[in-house]
């Protein structure tokens, strides 16, 4: 018979856990996570084609990426809280259904405003499914070697999703046109949904309430801040900062805050999320500017742009798989140093650069650094977190990565508004990676373990 603690944590009863085939269940959940990350980068190679087809300006085109990233990041905390309150599998299945509908609407969108709106719906679905999926994985794999391996798989598919999105985007855009990049994930999402219903046991909702006011203020604040950076509108940026300050005050007073202060005091949760915010800025900015540089400056077609990023995709996966075997204290800082060097090298690529001389070496360093750092920081963000807060912790680490991506992309497009400014964009990413290295080294390596 299940204990009260197990029920309150949302874990399935013991007799159900024994029957769960954990590897197939992990595969079903990891497929959904792959799609979530894939949808951040799969549009990147297709952006020039989308802009030409829907007559979008460069500033408007960045919102094809940011509408998804911003909706995803701003609603992730609410998604994590709902997964703990309403049941992880229930929220996961609802989220992947919304995600699939948003993907379908994006592929069928006849105009720029409808495409941006559909991408926001897709991001909202991802915000529901991502923290619930991670919480389900943590429930299926209790602390120990099994959990480390599961998180290694999680990091590998997440890293592969970011890099493989560019490869698939190039092939799909060249062969079938830009709508295909949104339509192909739909049947895969349906398969993940069906497999989860068959393989992952249901869990009991904990009950309670969510901080809707906090969700509204954080979403509005982040949207205003990103818009202010993108449009170079100081008023919008200031309004965003005020709303985010109101959100922070709300979290100290709300009865059921989206980010309970106790969570930030647990283990290395705060340190890992600060570092992940900065890493997210590098991640999204890189996969936005690299395809533009390849196509608009070097003259690559969509397929060639995707294929030349295959080494980057492979090293991200390899780094993610190797990450759990590296030393806990030095793994993330060392990976971030490698990432910084790769981005600095890439910033030197000239307008007539070649793949072998100017892209291959940086790609290998960047891929290894991203893969290892992502897994290490994700593991640190959930270390020591009680089972009842696992959905919230999963939502928080995904939130900081996505919001860092939205803010980083807004900053980089403000600094480098055209593809010709690629060197400045990559150099900005290198500076952010260096700052991430310093932050991580101080908070995780030098400071005493809590």
Foldseek 3Di string as FASTA:
>chain_A
DADPQCQLLQFDRPVVLVPFPLVLLLVLLLLLLLVLLLCLQLCQLQLVQVCVQQVDDLLLSVLLNLLQLLLQLLCLLVLLVCCLAAWLLVQQLQLLVQLLQLLLQLLVPNHSVSNSVSSNSNNNSNSNNQLSSQLLLCSSQPDDPRSLQSLLSSLLSSLLSLLLSLQVSLVCCVPPRRSVSSNVCNVSSVVSSVSNVVRRDITHGNHDDADVVLSVLSSQLLVLLLCCLSVVPVVSNVSSVVSVVVSVVCLVPPPHRSDNPVLVVFWCQVLLLVLLLLLLLLSSLCSNLQSQLCCVQQNDGSNVSSVLSVLLSVLLNVLSNCQSVDDLQCQLLVLLVLLLVLLLQLLPADSNHDSVPRNNVSSNSNSNSSNNNVSSSLVRNCPRPRSSSSSSSSSSSSSSSSSSNSNSNSNLCSVPVHSNNSSVSSNVSSVSSVVSSVSSNVSRRVDDTD
